C-alpha atoms as a PDB file:
ATOM      1  CA  UNK A   1     -47.576  -3.150 -23.475  1.00  0.00           C
ATOM      2  CA  UNK A   2     -48.517   0.426 -22.654  1.00  0.00           C
ATOM      3  CA  UNK A   3     -46.086   2.110 -20.309  1.00  0.00           C
ATOM      4  CA  UNK A   4     -46.302   5.699 -19.162  1.00  0.00           C
ATOM      5  CA  UNK A   5     -43.108   7.573 -18.440  1.00  0.00           C
ATOM      6  CA  UNK A   6     -43.085  10.852 -16.541  1.00  0.00           C
ATOM      7  CA  UNK A   7     -39.700  12.365 -17.406  1.00  0.00           C
ATOM      8  CA  UNK A   8     -38.311  15.249 -15.365  1.00  0.00           C
ATOM      9  CA  UNK A   9     -34.982  16.711 -16.440  1.00  0.00           C
ATOM     10  CA  UNK A  10     -33.420  18.849 -13.713  1.00  0.00           C
ATOM     11  CA  UNK A  11     -29.888  19.118 -15.115  1.00  0.00           C
ATOM     12  CA  UNK A  12     -27.837  19.306 -18.284  1.00  0.00           C
ATOM     13  CA  UNK A  13     -25.498  16.743 -19.770  1.00  0.00           C
ATOM     14  CA  UNK A  14     -23.686  15.479 -22.834  1.00  0.00           C
ATOM     15  CA  UNK A  15     -26.469  13.003 -23.599  1.00  0.00           C
ATOM     16  CA  UNK A  16     -29.752  13.055 -21.744  1.00  0.00           C
ATOM     17  CA  UNK A  17     -32.192  10.424 -22.967  1.00  0.00           C
ATOM     18  CA  UNK A  18     -35.656  11.450 -24.085  1.00  0.00           C
ATOM     19  CA  UNK A  19     -38.960   9.803 -23.153  1.00  0.00           C
ATOM     20  CA  UNK A  20     -38.826   7.477 -26.165  1.00  0.00           C
ATOM     21  CA  UNK A  21     -35.444   6.064 -25.114  1.00  0.00           C
ATOM     22  CA  UNK A  22     -36.533   5.666 -21.510  1.00  0.00           C
ATOM     23  CA  UNK A  23     -39.837   4.048 -22.469  1.00  0.00           C
ATOM     24  CA  UNK A  24     -37.961   1.535 -24.646  1.00  0.00           C
ATOM     25  CA  UNK A  25     -35.545   0.671 -21.824  1.00  0.00           C
ATOM     26  CA  UNK A  26     -38.235   0.475 -19.135  1.00  0.00           C
ATOM     27  CA  UNK A  27     -40.384  -1.701 -21.410  1.00  0.00           C
ATOM     28  CA  UNK A  28     -37.474  -4.040 -22.093  1.00  0.00           C
ATOM     29  CA  UNK A  29     -36.822  -4.399 -18.350  1.00  0.00           C
ATOM     30  CA  UNK A  30     -40.472  -5.022 -17.535  1.00  0.00           C
ATOM     31  CA  UNK A  31     -40.794  -7.628 -20.295  1.00  0.00           C
ATOM     32  CA  UNK A  32     -43.975  -9.595 -19.514  1.00  0.00           C
ATOM     33  CA  UNK A  33     -43.968  -8.984 -15.759  1.00  0.00           C
ATOM     34  CA  UNK A  34     -46.563  -6.227 -16.058  1.00  0.00           C
ATOM     35  CA  UNK A  35     -49.251  -5.470 -18.589  1.00  0.00           C
ATOM     36  CA  UNK A  36     -48.809  -1.743 -18.032  1.00  0.00           C
ATOM     37  CA  UNK A  37     -46.682   0.440 -15.815  1.00  0.00           C
ATOM     38  CA  UNK A  38     -46.211   4.054 -14.828  1.00  0.00           C
ATOM     39  CA  UNK A  39     -42.686   5.137 -13.974  1.00  0.00           C
ATOM     40  CA  UNK A  40     -41.389   8.570 -13.047  1.00  0.00           C
ATOM     41  CA  UNK A  41     -37.793   9.246 -14.050  1.00  0.00           C
ATOM     42  CA  UNK A  42     -36.023  12.319 -12.701  1.00  0.00           C
ATOM     43  CA  UNK A  43     -32.603  13.166 -14.108  1.00  0.00           C
ATOM     44  CA  UNK A  44     -30.644  15.230 -11.604  1.00  0.00           C
ATOM     45  CA  UNK A  45     -27.339  16.985 -11.018  1.00  0.00           C
ATOM     46  CA  UNK A  46     -24.697  15.875  -8.505  1.00  0.00           C
ATOM     47  CA  UNK A  47     -26.019  18.114  -5.727  1.00  0.00           C
ATOM     48  CA  UNK A  48     -29.559  16.713  -5.853  1.00  0.00           C
ATOM     49  CA  UNK A  49     -28.209  13.186  -6.315  1.00  0.00           C
ATOM     50  CA  UNK A  50     -26.037  13.593  -3.226  1.00  0.00           C
ATOM     51  CA  UNK A  51     -28.910  15.038  -1.162  1.00  0.00           C
ATOM     52  CA  UNK A  52     -31.245  12.163  -2.056  1.00  0.00           C
ATOM     53  CA  UNK A  53     -28.590   9.489  -1.537  1.00  0.00           C
ATOM     54  CA  UNK A  54     -27.784  10.967   1.880  1.00  0.00           C
ATOM     55  CA  UNK A  55     -31.464  11.232   2.826  1.00  0.00           C
ATOM     56  CA  UNK A  56     -32.519   7.747   1.745  1.00  0.00           C
ATOM     57  CA  UNK A  57     -29.330   5.661   1.960  1.00  0.00           C
ATOM     58  CA  UNK A  58     -27.178   7.551   4.487  1.00  0.00           C
ATOM     59  CA  UNK A  59     -24.405   7.921   1.885  1.00  0.00           C
ATOM     60  CA  UNK A  60     -23.052  11.433   1.512  1.00  0.00           C
ATOM     61  CA  UNK A  61     -22.231  11.281  -2.198  1.00  0.00           C
ATOM     62  CA  UNK A  62     -24.194  11.083  -5.425  1.00  0.00           C
ATOM     63  CA  UNK A  63     -24.859   7.681  -6.957  1.00  0.00           C
ATOM     64  CA  UNK A  64     -25.868   6.646 -10.450  1.00  0.00           C
ATOM     65  CA  UNK A  65     -29.479   5.519  -9.904  1.00  0.00           C
ATOM     66  CA  UNK A  66     -31.883   5.457  -6.989  1.00  0.00           C
ATOM     67  CA  UNK A  67     -35.058   3.374  -7.157  1.00  0.00           C
ATOM     68  CA  UNK A  68     -38.187   4.084  -5.170  1.00  0.00           C
ATOM     69  CA  UNK A  69     -40.760   1.289  -5.678  1.00  0.00           C
ATOM     70  CA  UNK A  70     -44.383   2.303  -5.262  1.00  0.00           C
ATOM     71  CA  UNK A  71     -45.738   1.063  -1.964  1.00  0.00           C
ATOM     72  CA  UNK A  72     -49.424   0.589  -2.681  1.00  0.00           C
ATOM     73  CA  UNK A  73     -51.942  -1.512  -0.786  1.00  0.00           C
ATOM     74  CA  UNK A  74     -52.561  -4.793  -2.661  1.00  0.00           C
ATOM     75  CA  UNK A  75     -56.236  -3.976  -3.142  1.00  0.00           C
ATOM     76  CA  UNK A  76     -55.326  -0.959  -5.280  1.00  0.00           C
ATOM     77  CA  UNK A  77     -54.813  -2.152  -8.812  1.00  0.00           C
ATOM     78  CA  UNK A  78     -52.862   0.796 -10.166  1.00  0.00           C
ATOM     79  CA  UNK A  79     -50.089   0.510 -12.744  1.00  0.00           C
ATOM     80  CA  UNK A  80     -47.745   2.735 -10.690  1.00  0.00           C
ATOM     81  CA  UNK A  81     -44.382   0.972 -10.547  1.00  0.00           C
ATOM     82  CA  UNK A  82     -42.343   3.691  -8.858  1.00  0.00           C
ATOM     83  CA  UNK A  83     -39.740   6.401  -9.313  1.00  0.00           C
ATOM     84  CA  UNK A  84     -36.181   6.425 -10.589  1.00  0.00           C
ATOM     85  CA  UNK A  85     -33.692   9.196  -9.918  1.00  0.00           C
ATOM     86  CA  UNK A  86     -30.646   9.167 -12.178  1.00  0.00           C
ATOM     87  CA  UNK A  87     -27.641  11.401 -11.563  1.00  0.00           C
ATOM     88  CA  UNK A  88     -26.393  12.548 -14.971  1.00  0.00           C
ATOM     89  CA  UNK A  89     -22.841  13.539 -13.900  1.00  0.00           C
ATOM     90  CA  UNK A  90     -22.271  10.136 -12.254  1.00  0.00           C
ATOM     91  CA  UNK A  91     -23.575   8.270 -15.302  1.00  0.00           C
ATOM     92  CA  UNK A  92     -21.365  10.380 -17.584  1.00  0.00           C
ATOM     93  CA  UNK A  93     -18.269   9.829 -15.411  1.00  0.00           C
ATOM     94  CA  UNK A  94     -18.877   6.068 -15.173  1.00  0.00           C
ATOM     95  CA  UNK A  95     -19.379   5.757 -18.936  1.00  0.00           C
ATOM     96  CA  UNK A  96     -16.113   7.594 -19.591  1.00  0.00           C
ATOM     97  CA  UNK A  97     -14.216   5.603 -16.952  1.00  0.00           C
ATOM     98  CA  UNK A  98     -15.575   2.290 -18.241  1.00  0.00           C
ATOM     99  CA  UNK A  99     -15.116   3.355 -21.875  1.00  0.00           C
ATOM    100  CA  UNK A 100     -18.779   2.829 -22.734  1.00  0.00           C
ATOM    101  CA  UNK A 101     -21.073   4.945 -24.843  1.00  0.00           C
ATOM    102  CA  UNK A 102     -23.288   7.279 -22.857  1.00  0.00           C
ATOM    103  CA  UNK A 103     -26.405   5.850 -24.479  1.00  0.00           C
ATOM    104  CA  UNK A 104     -25.447   2.310 -23.510  1.00  0.00           C
ATOM    105  CA  UNK A 105     -24.709   3.283 -19.918  1.00  0.00           C
ATOM    106  CA  UNK A 106     -27.946   5.262 -19.645  1.00  0.00           C
ATOM    107  CA  UNK A 107     -29.821   2.212 -20.944  1.00  0.00           C
ATOM    108  CA  UNK A 108     -28.132   0.059 -18.325  1.00  0.00           C
ATOM    109  CA  UNK A 109     -28.948   2.456 -15.482  1.00  0.00           C
ATOM    110  CA  UNK A 110     -32.625   2.693 -16.471  1.00  0.00           C
ATOM    111  CA  UNK A 111     -32.877  -1.097 -16.869  1.00  0.00           C
ATOM    112  CA  UNK A 112     -31.054  -1.662 -13.571  1.00  0.00           C
ATOM    113  CA  UNK A 113     -33.308   0.788 -11.731  1.00  0.00           C
ATOM    114  CA  UNK A 114     -36.472  -0.635 -13.299  1.00  0.00           C
ATOM    115  CA  UNK A 115     -35.504  -4.134 -12.198  1.00  0.00           C
ATOM    116  CA  UNK A 116     -35.213  -2.778  -8.650  1.00  0.00           C
ATOM    117  CA  UNK A 117     -38.732  -1.348  -9.003  1.00  0.00           C
ATOM    118  CA  UNK A 118     -39.861  -4.859  -9.963  1.00  0.00           C
ATOM    119  CA  UNK A 119     -38.307  -6.294  -6.798  1.00  0.00           C
ATOM    120  CA  UNK A 120     -34.937  -7.531  -8.039  1.00  0.00           C
ATOM    121  CA  UNK A 121     -31.962  -6.950  -5.776  1.00  0.00           C
ATOM    122  CA  UNK A 122     -28.248  -7.650  -5.569  1.00  0.00           C
ATOM    123  CA  UNK A 123     -27.553  -7.819  -1.846  1.00  0.00           C
ATOM    124  CA  UNK A 124     -26.933 -11.577  -1.801  1.00  0.00           C
ATOM    125  CA  UNK A 125     -24.472 -13.110  -4.269  1.00  0.00           C
ATOM    126  CA  UNK A 126     -27.057 -15.422  -5.868  1.00  0.00           C
ATOM    127  CA  UNK A 127     -29.482 -12.523  -6.336  1.00  0.00           C
ATOM    128  CA  UNK A 128     -26.708 -10.324  -7.771  1.00  0.00           C
ATOM    129  CA  UNK A 129     -25.713 -13.003 -10.274  1.00  0.00           C
ATOM    130  CA  UNK A 130     -29.327 -13.513 -11.357  1.00  0.00           C
ATOM    131  CA  UNK A 131     -29.915  -9.764 -11.702  1.00  0.00           C
ATOM    132  CA  UNK A 132     -26.676  -9.265 -13.655  1.00  0.00           C
ATOM    133  CA  UNK A 133     -27.582 -12.121 -16.013  1.00  0.00           C
ATOM    134  CA  UNK A 134     -31.020 -10.604 -16.607  1.00  0.00           C
ATOM    135  CA  UNK A 135     -29.541  -7.130 -17.194  1.00  0.00           C
ATOM    136  CA  UNK A 136     -27.041  -8.593 -19.649  1.00  0.00           C
ATOM    137  CA  UNK A 137     -29.775 -10.463 -21.526  1.00  0.00           C
ATOM    138  CA  UNK A 138     -31.971  -7.341 -21.763  1.00  0.00           C
ATOM    139  CA  UNK A 139     -29.074  -5.130 -22.872  1.00  0.00           C
ATOM    140  CA  UNK A 140     -28.021  -7.593 -25.565  1.00  0.00           C
ATOM    141  CA  UNK A 141     -31.602  -7.912 -26.857  1.00  0.00           C
ATOM    142  CA  UNK A 142     -31.496  -4.136 -27.312  1.00  0.00           C
ATOM    143  CA  UNK A 143     -28.193  -4.479 -29.223  1.00  0.00           C
ATOM    144  CA  UNK A 144     -26.016  -3.003 -26.471  1.00  0.00           C
ATOM    145  CA  UNK A 145     -22.879  -4.627 -25.102  1.00  0.00           C
ATOM    146  CA  UNK A 146     -23.008  -6.756 -21.978  1.00  0.00           C
ATOM    147  CA  UNK A 147     -22.775  -4.245 -19.099  1.00  0.00           C
ATOM    148  CA  UNK A 148     -20.540  -6.315 -16.819  1.00  0.00           C
ATOM    149  CA  UNK A 149     -17.792  -7.299 -19.248  1.00  0.00           C
ATOM    150  CA  UNK A 150     -14.261  -6.558 -18.150  1.00  0.00           C
ATOM    151  CA  UNK A 151     -13.190  -3.103 -19.257  1.00  0.00           C
ATOM    152  CA  UNK A 152     -10.074  -0.991 -19.050  1.00  0.00           C
ATOM    153  CA  UNK A 153     -10.554   2.324 -17.323  1.00  0.00           C
ATOM    154  CA  UNK A 154      -8.655   5.496 -18.190  1.00  0.00           C
ATOM    155  CA  UNK A 155      -5.808   4.603 -15.830  1.00  0.00           C
ATOM    156  CA  UNK A 156      -5.344   1.296 -17.654  1.00  0.00           C
ATOM    157  CA  UNK A 157      -6.703  -0.889 -14.849  1.00  0.00           C
ATOM    158  CA  UNK A 158      -8.926  -3.813 -15.785  1.00  0.00           C
ATOM    159  CA  UNK A 159     -12.108  -4.141 -13.790  1.00  0.00           C
ATOM    160  CA  UNK A 160     -15.614  -5.484 -13.936  1.00  0.00           C
ATOM    161  CA  UNK A 161     -18.033  -2.572 -13.635  1.00  0.00           C
ATOM    162  CA  UNK A 162     -20.813  -2.904 -11.106  1.00  0.00           C
ATOM    163  CA  UNK A 163     -23.552  -0.332 -11.527  1.00  0.00           C
ATOM    164  CA  UNK A 164     -24.421  -0.665  -7.862  1.00  0.00           C
ATOM    165  CA  UNK A 165     -20.973  -0.005  -6.469  1.00  0.00           C
ATOM    166  CA  UNK A 166     -20.448   3.446  -7.871  1.00  0.00           C
ATOM    167  CA  UNK A 167     -19.327   6.355  -5.723  1.00  0.00           C
END
């Protein structure tokens, strides 16, 4: 399955994935839903993440991942899947708070965002449960831990992390 990743890194961080990592994660999320796909991934700082989240979601704070599916006319048979914007400081903070490795949390964010590009959503409870189950299956096939297992954050509280409910 040939997938093309356009990676733009507009920030610094403790661990920023390279194109090979992102291509592996995008490919795992796409599975057999597409023969080929083109995805742009932009890794940003908190300021750009906040600006984009405010502009497109009316939320005045950065979030972990924003997904922008390509809106192409059906008669155009292009492999363009869409764009992902990932806010490195939010991903780093969530990984630390949830006591996960940065690589694992990055994988989850890219998989989560790619599933959105494919049309998956988590607005309704049934859809959220189906999407979470798929994310968990993909993560485990890549030898990462299940992303929604109960964790203990730094303050000692137990919670179930939800990638889509971050600040």
